[in-house]
Amino acid sequence: MSVHLTGKPDKPAGTKISVEAAESTAQIGLGGAAEMKFTAHENGVELCVVVDSSSNRLLIKTATFSGARNQLESEALNVFCAIVKGRPFQEAADHGPIYTVEALAHRAAKVPGIRSPRNSGPQFALVERLIRSAHSEARDHLKIGHRENGWYIKASSDWLAKSDAERIDTIKPLIADFLREKSLTDDDIWISQIERAIRVTVAFKETVPYNLKPGLMLALEKKLRAITASPIELFMEELKDANKIRRL
């Protein structure tokens, strides 16, 4: 259950960007590919992203930061830099901050509805502003127009080798454990459909409060992804008549 943010944002006030073309390198696996460095600054905090400019997706080789003003900013930026290494620049801008919030959920503010970097705490909003500003400058510098982000994490070979029935048998006990952790009953959430190996649709019992569902979906999706080592995507069945929603 991911929040997808697209489009080219305005550069935030107070955020300064610099771009530097590094000399050609000859590292193993890059075949002498050129590097480019994009650096965003905001109130003394700096995020530096080095990309392989010879790749169409501008794969991130390194991401580093400096000038964090407190522990929360340092923690968020450190986790973000680890997450985005090896990923396309656009993927880092679109989803890196979201994955950072998920990884540091215990540090995120409690909010009603869908959690995003902007409402989870100032440290996460800062991460998003910096990476989006750096990516925006890269697009301007390299004259890259708008394009859809088609990158995704591939499912593990073990998960892909399973049949849908085997995947369901794997997920069911994980959901049961999750429900016990949340002090819910075994029939409060169930699987109604699984498609394309990673798209899992679940349904909720009518007694589960609506305002709890987004948080439960995010937490369950995170648990399933961690245990299956696959990018499971959870979708919620529209509840019209619970008796008509099939259970797998």
C-alpha atoms as a PDB file:
ATOM      1  CA  MET A   1       0.000   0.000   0.000  1.00  0.00           C
ATOM      2  CA  SER A   2       2.300   2.715  -1.234  1.00  0.00           C
ATOM      3  CA  VAL A   3       1.722   6.428  -1.624  1.00  0.00           C
ATOM      4  CA  HIS A   4       3.020   7.434  -5.051  1.00  0.00           C
ATOM      5  CA  LEU A   5       4.110  11.031  -5.511  1.00  0.00           C
ATOM      6  CA  THR A   6       4.850  12.134  -9.040  1.00  0.00           C
ATOM      7  CA  GLY A   7       5.509  15.325 -10.887  1.00  0.00           C
ATOM      8  CA  LYS A   8       8.197  17.955 -10.618  1.00  0.00           C
ATOM      9  CA  PRO A   9       7.973  19.944  -7.370  1.00  0.00           C
ATOM     10  CA  ASP A  10       9.031  23.524  -6.893  1.00  0.00           C
ATOM     11  CA  LYS A  11      12.343  23.962  -5.139  1.00  0.00           C
ATOM     12  CA  PRO A  12      11.623  24.789  -1.477  1.00  0.00           C
ATOM     13  CA  ALA A  13      12.592  28.230  -0.236  1.00  0.00           C
ATOM     14  CA  GLY A  14      15.982  28.104   1.408  1.00  0.00           C
ATOM     15  CA  THR A  15      17.111  25.035  -0.517  1.00  0.00           C
ATOM     16  CA  LYS A  16      20.180  25.531  -2.674  1.00  0.00           C
ATOM     17  CA  ILE A  17      21.360  23.074  -5.307  1.00  0.00           C
ATOM     18  CA  SER A  18      24.709  22.491  -6.913  1.00  0.00           C
ATOM     19  CA  VAL A  19      25.769  20.087  -9.635  1.00  0.00           C
ATOM     20  CA  GLU A  20      29.208  18.772 -10.390  1.00  0.00           C
ATOM     21  CA  ALA A  21      30.410  16.481 -13.163  1.00  0.00           C
ATOM     22  CA  ALA A  22      33.048  14.159 -11.758  1.00  0.00           C
ATOM     23  CA  GLU A  23      35.889  12.784 -13.793  1.00  0.00           C
ATOM     24  CA  SER A  24      35.403   9.517 -15.623  1.00  0.00           C
ATOM     25  CA  THR A  25      36.007   6.519 -13.394  1.00  0.00           C
ATOM     26  CA  ALA A  26      37.029   2.949 -14.123  1.00  0.00           C
ATOM     27  CA  GLN A  27      35.458   1.040 -11.276  1.00  0.00           C
ATOM     28  CA  ILE A  28      34.581  -2.604 -11.603  1.00  0.00           C
ATOM     29  CA  GLY A  29      31.140  -3.063 -13.072  1.00  0.00           C
ATOM     30  CA  LEU A  30      30.848   0.474 -14.425  1.00  0.00           C
ATOM     31  CA  GLY A  31      33.233   0.091 -17.345  1.00  0.00           C
ATOM     32  CA  GLY A  32      34.609   3.591 -16.986  1.00  0.00           C
ATOM     33  CA  ALA A  33      31.189   5.192 -16.726  1.00  0.00           C
ATOM     34  CA  ALA A  34      30.999   8.892 -15.910  1.00  0.00           C
ATOM     35  CA  GLU A  35      29.744  10.085 -12.570  1.00  0.00           C
ATOM     36  CA  MET A  36      27.785  13.186 -11.694  1.00  0.00           C
ATOM     37  CA  LYS A  37      27.275  14.656  -8.252  1.00  0.00           C
ATOM     38  CA  PHE A  38      24.171  16.573  -7.231  1.00  0.00           C
ATOM     39  CA  THR A  39      24.135  18.339  -3.878  1.00  0.00           C
ATOM     40  CA  ALA A  40      21.177  19.949  -2.121  1.00  0.00           C
ATOM     41  CA  HIS A  41      21.538  22.311   0.845  1.00  0.00           C
ATOM     42  CA  GLU A  42      18.914  23.560   3.266  1.00  0.00           C
ATOM     43  CA  ASN A  43      19.732  25.577   6.376  1.00  0.00           C
ATOM     44  CA  GLY A  44      23.151  24.009   6.716  1.00  0.00           C
ATOM     45  CA  VAL A  45      22.047  20.431   5.987  1.00  0.00           C
ATOM     46  CA  GLU A  46      23.582  18.896   2.858  1.00  0.00           C
ATOM     47  CA  LEU A  47      22.592  15.837   0.849  1.00  0.00           C
ATOM     48  CA  CYS A  48      25.055  14.683  -1.811  1.00  0.00           C
ATOM     49  CA  VAL A  49      24.038  12.117  -4.436  1.00  0.00           C
ATOM     50  CA  VAL A  50      26.549  10.618  -6.880  1.00  0.00           C
ATOM     51  CA  VAL A  51      24.992   8.881  -9.885  1.00  0.00           C
ATOM     52  CA  ASP A  52      26.223   6.817 -12.807  1.00  0.00           C
ATOM     53  CA  SER A  53      25.407   9.300 -15.558  1.00  0.00           C
ATOM     54  CA  SER A  54      26.004   6.749 -18.307  1.00  0.00           C
ATOM     55  CA  SER A  55      22.985   4.695 -17.178  1.00  0.00           C
ATOM     56  CA  ASN A  56      19.570   5.669 -18.444  1.00  0.00           C
ATOM     57  CA  ARG A  57      18.137   5.446 -14.946  1.00  0.00           C
ATOM     58  CA  LEU A  58      20.929   7.399 -13.234  1.00  0.00           C
ATOM     59  CA  LEU A  59      21.659   4.663 -10.715  1.00  0.00           C
ATOM     60  CA  ILE A  60      22.832   6.050  -7.382  1.00  0.00           C
ATOM     61  CA  LYS A  61      26.383   5.026  -6.503  1.00  0.00           C
ATOM     62  CA  THR A  62      26.574   6.855  -3.194  1.00  0.00           C
ATOM     63  CA  ALA A  63      24.373   9.113  -1.100  1.00  0.00           C
ATOM     64  CA  THR A  64      25.866  10.999   1.833  1.00  0.00           C
ATOM     65  CA  PHE A  65      24.835  13.838   4.120  1.00  0.00           C
ATOM     66  CA  SER A  66      26.315  16.335   6.536  1.00  0.00           C
ATOM     67  CA  GLY A  67      25.172  19.110   8.848  1.00  0.00           C
ATOM     68  CA  ALA A  68      22.252  17.312  10.513  1.00  0.00           C
ATOM     69  CA  ARG A  69      21.032  19.538  13.306  1.00  0.00           C
ATOM     70  CA  ASN A  70      19.736  16.849  15.647  1.00  0.00           C
ATOM     71  CA  GLN A  71      19.608  13.098  16.163  1.00  0.00           C
ATOM     72  CA  LEU A  72      16.299  12.664  14.369  1.00  0.00           C
ATOM     73  CA  GLU A  73      17.588  14.349  11.196  1.00  0.00           C
ATOM     74  CA  SER A  74      20.810  12.344  11.341  1.00  0.00           C
ATOM     75  CA  GLU A  75      18.937   9.077  11.786  1.00  0.00           C
ATOM     76  CA  ALA A  76      16.482   9.767   8.961  1.00  0.00           C
ATOM     77  CA  LEU A  77      19.175  10.869   6.506  1.00  0.00           C
ATOM     78  CA  ASN A  78      21.415   7.940   7.399  1.00  0.00           C
ATOM     79  CA  VAL A  79      18.640   5.403   6.781  1.00  0.00           C
ATOM     80  CA  PHE A  80      17.593   7.166   3.584  1.00  0.00           C
ATOM     81  CA  CYS A  81      21.143   7.126   2.172  1.00  0.00           C
ATOM     82  CA  ALA A  82      21.422   3.390   2.855  1.00  0.00           C
ATOM     83  CA  ILE A  83      18.052   2.653   1.238  1.00  0.00           C
ATOM     84  CA  VAL A  84      18.615   4.513  -2.041  1.00  0.00           C
ATOM     85  CA  LYS A  85      22.104   3.228  -2.861  1.00  0.00           C
ATOM     86  CA  GLY A  86      21.917   1.260  -6.108  1.00  0.00           C
ATOM     87  CA  ARG A  87      18.442   2.531  -6.976  1.00  0.00           C
ATOM     88  CA  PRO A  88      17.507   4.901  -9.821  1.00  0.00           C
ATOM     89  CA  PHE A  89      17.561   8.609  -8.953  1.00  0.00           C
ATOM     90  CA  GLN A  90      13.864   8.981  -9.754  1.00  0.00           C
ATOM     91  CA  GLU A  91      12.951   6.003  -7.571  1.00  0.00           C
ATOM     92  CA  ALA A  92      14.939   7.573  -4.728  1.00  0.00           C
ATOM     93  CA  ALA A  93      13.008  10.833  -5.137  1.00  0.00           C
ATOM     94  CA  ASP A  94       9.590   9.192  -5.534  1.00  0.00           C
ATOM     95  CA  HIS A  95       9.753   6.516  -2.861  1.00  0.00           C
ATOM     96  CA  GLY A  96      12.986   6.820  -0.865  1.00  0.00           C
ATOM     97  CA  PRO A  97      11.466   9.118   1.790  1.00  0.00           C
ATOM     98  CA  ILE A  98       8.424   6.829   2.079  1.00  0.00           C
ATOM     99  CA  TYR A  99      10.614   3.775   2.689  1.00  0.00           C
ATOM    100  CA  THR A 100      12.564   5.817   5.229  1.00  0.00           C
ATOM    101  CA  VAL A 101       9.386   6.539   7.168  1.00  0.00           C
ATOM    102  CA  GLU A 102       8.486   2.844   7.052  1.00  0.00           C
ATOM    103  CA  ALA A 103      11.933   1.872   8.318  1.00  0.00           C
ATOM    104  CA  LEU A 104      11.693   4.398  11.167  1.00  0.00           C
ATOM    105  CA  ALA A 105       8.011   3.991  11.957  1.00  0.00           C
ATOM    106  CA  HIS A 106       8.776   4.199  15.681  1.00  0.00           C
ATOM    107  CA  ARG A 107      10.092   7.726  15.087  1.00  0.00           C
ATOM    108  CA  ALA A 108       7.152   8.861  12.949  1.00  0.00           C
ATOM    109  CA  ALA A 109       4.297  10.971  14.231  1.00  0.00           C
ATOM    110  CA  LYS A 110       0.973   9.230  14.665  1.00  0.00           C
ATOM    111  CA  VAL A 111      -1.444  10.517  12.075  1.00  0.00           C
ATOM    112  CA  PRO A 112      -4.988   9.611  11.024  1.00  0.00           C
ATOM    113  CA  GLY A 113      -5.216   8.039   7.583  1.00  0.00           C
ATOM    114  CA  ILE A 114      -2.282   7.599   5.221  1.00  0.00           C
ATOM    115  CA  ARG A 115       1.177   8.381   6.571  1.00  0.00           C
ATOM    116  CA  SER A 116       3.557  10.303   4.322  1.00  0.00           C
ATOM    117  CA  PRO A 117       6.975  11.920   4.785  1.00  0.00           C
ATOM    118  CA  ARG A 118       5.306  15.317   4.995  1.00  0.00           C
ATOM    119  CA  ASN A 119       3.088  14.465   7.957  1.00  0.00           C
ATOM    120  CA  SER A 120       5.389  12.007   9.747  1.00  0.00           C
ATOM    121  CA  GLY A 121       7.800  14.531  11.219  1.00  0.00           C
ATOM    122  CA  PRO A 122      10.062  17.406  10.162  1.00  0.00           C
ATOM    123  CA  GLN A 123      13.077  15.103   9.694  1.00  0.00           C
ATOM    124  CA  PHE A 124      11.237  13.060   7.047  1.00  0.00           C
ATOM    125  CA  ALA A 125       9.881  16.164   5.316  1.00  0.00           C
ATOM    126  CA  LEU A 126      13.461  17.471   5.152  1.00  0.00           C
ATOM    127  CA  VAL A 127      14.680  14.253   3.522  1.00  0.00           C
ATOM    128  CA  GLU A 128      11.944  14.522   0.899  1.00  0.00           C
ATOM    129  CA  ARG A 129      12.674  18.181   0.128  1.00  0.00           C
ATOM    130  CA  LEU A 130      16.388  17.572  -0.272  1.00  0.00           C
ATOM    131  CA  ILE A 131      16.152  14.521  -2.542  1.00  0.00           C
ATOM    132  CA  ARG A 132      13.364  15.995  -4.657  1.00  0.00           C
ATOM    133  CA  SER A 133      15.284  19.224  -5.113  1.00  0.00           C
ATOM    134  CA  ALA A 134      18.449  17.365  -6.105  1.00  0.00           C
ATOM    135  CA  HIS A 135      16.503  15.187  -8.542  1.00  0.00           C
ATOM    136  CA  SER A 136      14.731  18.208 -10.014  1.00  0.00           C
ATOM    137  CA  GLU A 137      18.086  19.853 -10.652  1.00  0.00           C
ATOM    138  CA  ALA A 138      19.401  16.666 -12.273  1.00  0.00           C
ATOM    139  CA  ARG A 139      16.444  16.646 -14.630  1.00  0.00           C
ATOM    140  CA  ASP A 140      17.068  20.279 -15.544  1.00  0.00           C
ATOM    141  CA  HIS A 141      20.803  19.778 -15.979  1.00  0.00           C
ATOM    142  CA  LEU A 142      20.439  16.647 -18.108  1.00  0.00           C
ATOM    143  CA  LYS A 143      17.316  17.888 -19.908  1.00  0.00           C
ATOM    144  CA  ILE A 144      15.224  14.912 -18.824  1.00  0.00           C
ATOM    145  CA  GLY A 145      11.491  15.349 -19.359  1.00  0.00           C
ATOM    146  CA  HIS A 146       8.748  13.781 -17.289  1.00  0.00           C
ATOM    147  CA  ARG A 147       8.685  10.011 -17.354  1.00  0.00           C
ATOM    148  CA  GLU A 148       6.892   7.357 -15.358  1.00  0.00           C
ATOM    149  CA  ASN A 149       8.825   5.544 -12.680  1.00  0.00           C
ATOM    150  CA  GLY A 150       8.781   1.930 -13.863  1.00  0.00           C
ATOM    151  CA  TRP A 151      11.404   0.635 -11.455  1.00  0.00           C
ATOM    152  CA  TYR A 152      10.411  -1.900  -8.841  1.00  0.00           C
ATOM    153  CA  ILE A 153      12.036  -4.345  -6.456  1.00  0.00           C
ATOM    154  CA  LYS A 154      11.894  -7.855  -7.861  1.00  0.00           C
ATOM    155  CA  ALA A 155      10.360 -10.677  -5.876  1.00  0.00           C
ATOM    156  CA  SER A 156      12.730 -13.319  -4.557  1.00  0.00           C
ATOM    157  CA  SER A 157      13.284 -16.411  -6.714  1.00  0.00           C
ATOM    158  CA  ASP A 158      11.862 -18.613  -3.932  1.00  0.00           C
ATOM    159  CA  TRP A 159       8.670 -16.575  -3.836  1.00  0.00           C
ATOM    160  CA  LEU A 160       8.273 -16.597  -7.609  1.00  0.00           C
ATOM    161  CA  ALA A 161       8.767 -20.362  -7.679  1.00  0.00           C
ATOM    162  CA  LYS A 162       5.734 -20.917  -5.448  1.00  0.00           C
ATOM    163  CA  SER A 163       2.224 -21.455  -6.741  1.00  0.00           C
ATOM    164  CA  ASP A 164      -0.536 -19.073  -5.617  1.00  0.00           C
ATOM    165  CA  ALA A 165      -1.782 -21.781  -3.256  1.00  0.00           C
ATOM    166  CA  GLU A 166       1.672 -22.069  -1.704  1.00  0.00           C
ATOM    167  CA  ARG A 167       1.941 -18.287  -1.376  1.00  0.00           C
ATOM    168  CA  ILE A 168      -1.411 -18.186   0.394  1.00  0.00           C
ATOM    169  CA  ASP A 169      -0.311 -20.981   2.745  1.00  0.00           C
ATOM    170  CA  THR A 170       2.787 -18.908   3.548  1.00  0.00           C
ATOM    171  CA  ILE A 171       0.917 -15.642   4.094  1.00  0.00           C
ATOM    172  CA  LYS A 172      -1.965 -16.977   6.198  1.00  0.00           C
ATOM    173  CA  PRO A 173       0.071 -17.773   9.334  1.00  0.00           C
ATOM    174  CA  LEU A 174       1.906 -14.454   8.969  1.00  0.00           C
ATOM    175  CA  ILE A 175      -1.430 -12.638   9.021  1.00  0.00           C
ATOM    176  CA  ALA A 176      -2.524 -14.730  12.020  1.00  0.00           C
ATOM    177  CA  ASP A 177       0.649 -13.733  13.907  1.00  0.00           C
ATOM    178  CA  PHE A 178       0.099 -10.102  12.937  1.00  0.00           C
ATOM    179  CA  LEU A 179      -3.477 -10.145  14.231  1.00  0.00           C
ATOM    180  CA  ARG A 180      -2.350 -11.568  17.564  1.00  0.00           C
ATOM    181  CA  GLU A 181       0.313  -8.861  17.829  1.00  0.00           C
ATOM    182  CA  LYS A 182      -2.391  -6.239  17.287  1.00  0.00           C
ATOM    183  CA  SER A 183      -4.835  -7.905  19.717  1.00  0.00           C
ATOM    184  CA  LEU A 184      -7.266  -8.642  16.895  1.00  0.00           C
ATOM    185  CA  THR A 185      -9.205 -11.830  16.211  1.00  0.00           C
ATOM    186  CA  ASP A 186      -8.326 -14.399  13.567  1.00  0.00           C
ATOM    187  CA  ASP A 187     -11.199 -13.350  11.313  1.00  0.00           C
ATOM    188  CA  ASP A 188     -10.618  -9.591  11.413  1.00  0.00           C
ATOM    189  CA  ILE A 189      -8.462  -9.714   8.243  1.00  0.00           C
ATOM    190  CA  TRP A 190      -8.400 -12.365   5.555  1.00  0.00           C
ATOM    191  CA  ILE A 191      -7.027 -12.869   2.054  1.00  0.00           C
ATOM    192  CA  SER A 192      -9.614 -12.549  -0.701  1.00  0.00           C
ATOM    193  CA  GLN A 193      -7.350 -12.611  -3.770  1.00  0.00           C
ATOM    194  CA  ILE A 194      -3.731 -12.925  -4.875  1.00  0.00           C
ATOM    195  CA  GLU A 195      -2.514 -11.906  -8.326  1.00  0.00           C
ATOM    196  CA  ARG A 196       0.801 -11.672 -10.159  1.00  0.00           C
ATOM    197  CA  ALA A 197       2.616 -13.209  -7.181  1.00  0.00           C
ATOM    198  CA  ILE A 198       2.859  -9.964  -5.196  1.00  0.00           C
ATOM    199  CA  ARG A 199      -0.565  -8.285  -5.405  1.00  0.00           C
ATOM    200  CA  VAL A 200      -2.536  -9.410  -2.358  1.00  0.00           C
ATOM    201  CA  THR A 201      -6.069  -8.209  -1.691  1.00  0.00           C
ATOM    202  CA  VAL A 202      -7.374  -8.480   1.862  1.00  0.00           C
ATOM    203  CA  ALA A 203     -10.737  -7.816   3.459  1.00  0.00           C
ATOM    204  CA  PHE A 204     -11.616  -6.568   6.931  1.00  0.00           C
ATOM    205  CA  LYS A 205     -14.380  -7.647   9.231  1.00  0.00           C
ATOM    206  CA  GLU A 206     -17.036  -4.959   9.610  1.00  0.00           C
ATOM    207  CA  THR A 207     -16.173  -4.472  13.290  1.00  0.00           C
ATOM    208  CA  VAL A 208     -12.639  -3.202  12.517  1.00  0.00           C
ATOM    209  CA  PRO A 209     -12.781   0.628  12.785  1.00  0.00           C
ATOM    210  CA  TYR A 210     -12.213   2.334   9.446  1.00  0.00           C
ATOM    211  CA  ASN A 211      -9.638   4.770  10.850  1.00  0.00           C
ATOM    212  CA  LEU A 212      -7.418   1.839  11.915  1.00  0.00           C
ATOM    213  CA  LYS A 213      -7.351   0.166   8.518  1.00  0.00           C
ATOM    214  CA  PRO A 214      -4.679   2.311   6.767  1.00  0.00           C
ATOM    215  CA  GLY A 215      -2.211   1.814   9.607  1.00  0.00           C
ATOM    216  CA  LEU A 216      -2.928  -1.910   9.775  1.00  0.00           C
ATOM    217  CA  MET A 217      -2.465  -2.229   6.021  1.00  0.00           C
ATOM    218  CA  LEU A 218       0.906  -0.465   6.098  1.00  0.00           C
ATOM    219  CA  ALA A 219       2.149  -2.468   9.089  1.00  0.00           C
ATOM    220  CA  LEU A 220       1.013  -5.793   7.613  1.00  0.00           C
ATOM    221  CA  GLU A 221       2.526  -4.992   4.209  1.00  0.00           C
ATOM    222  CA  LYS A 222       5.842  -4.156   5.869  1.00  0.00           C
ATOM    223  CA  LYS A 223       5.794  -7.455   7.786  1.00  0.00           C
ATOM    224  CA  LEU A 224       4.976  -9.517   4.680  1.00  0.00           C
ATOM    225  CA  ARG A 225       7.705  -7.814   2.647  1.00  0.00           C
ATOM    226  CA  ALA A 226      10.325  -8.384   5.323  1.00  0.00           C
ATOM    227  CA  ILE A 227       9.555 -12.078   5.785  1.00  0.00           C
ATOM    228  CA  THR A 228       9.001 -13.010   2.131  1.00  0.00           C
ATOM    229  CA  ALA A 229      11.854 -10.803   0.848  1.00  0.00           C
ATOM    230  CA  SER A 230       9.454  -9.722  -1.894  1.00  0.00           C
ATOM    231  CA  PRO A 231       7.666  -6.432  -2.698  1.00  0.00           C
ATOM    232  CA  ILE A 232       4.215  -7.537  -1.570  1.00  0.00           C
ATOM    233  CA  GLU A 233       1.555  -4.927  -2.330  1.00  0.00           C
ATOM    234  CA  LEU A 234      -1.592  -4.959  -0.212  1.00  0.00           C
ATOM    235  CA  PHE A 235      -4.941  -3.795  -1.487  1.00  0.00           C
ATOM    236  CA  MET A 236      -8.150  -3.520   0.474  1.00  0.00           C
ATOM    237  CA  GLU A 237     -11.326  -5.145  -0.782  1.00  0.00           C
ATOM    238  CA  GLU A 238     -14.197  -2.702  -0.970  1.00  0.00           C
ATOM    239  CA  LEU A 239     -16.584  -3.899   1.687  1.00  0.00           C
ATOM    240  CA  LYS A 240     -20.149  -3.987   0.427  1.00  0.00           C
ATOM    241  CA  ASP A 241     -21.288  -7.268   1.871  1.00  0.00           C
ATOM    242  CA  ALA A 242     -18.729  -9.181   3.926  1.00  0.00           C
ATOM    243  CA  ASN A 243     -20.638 -12.415   3.400  1.00  0.00           C
ATOM    244  CA  LYS A 244     -20.014 -12.183  -0.347  1.00  0.00           C
ATOM    245  CA  ILE A 245     -16.255 -11.594  -0.135  1.00  0.00           C
ATOM    246  CA  ARG A 246     -14.501 -14.882  -0.653  1.00  0.00           C
ATOM    247  CA  ARG A 247     -11.851 -16.130   1.733  1.00  0.00           C
ATOM    248  CA  LEU A 248      -8.774 -17.957   0.463  1.00  0.00           C
END
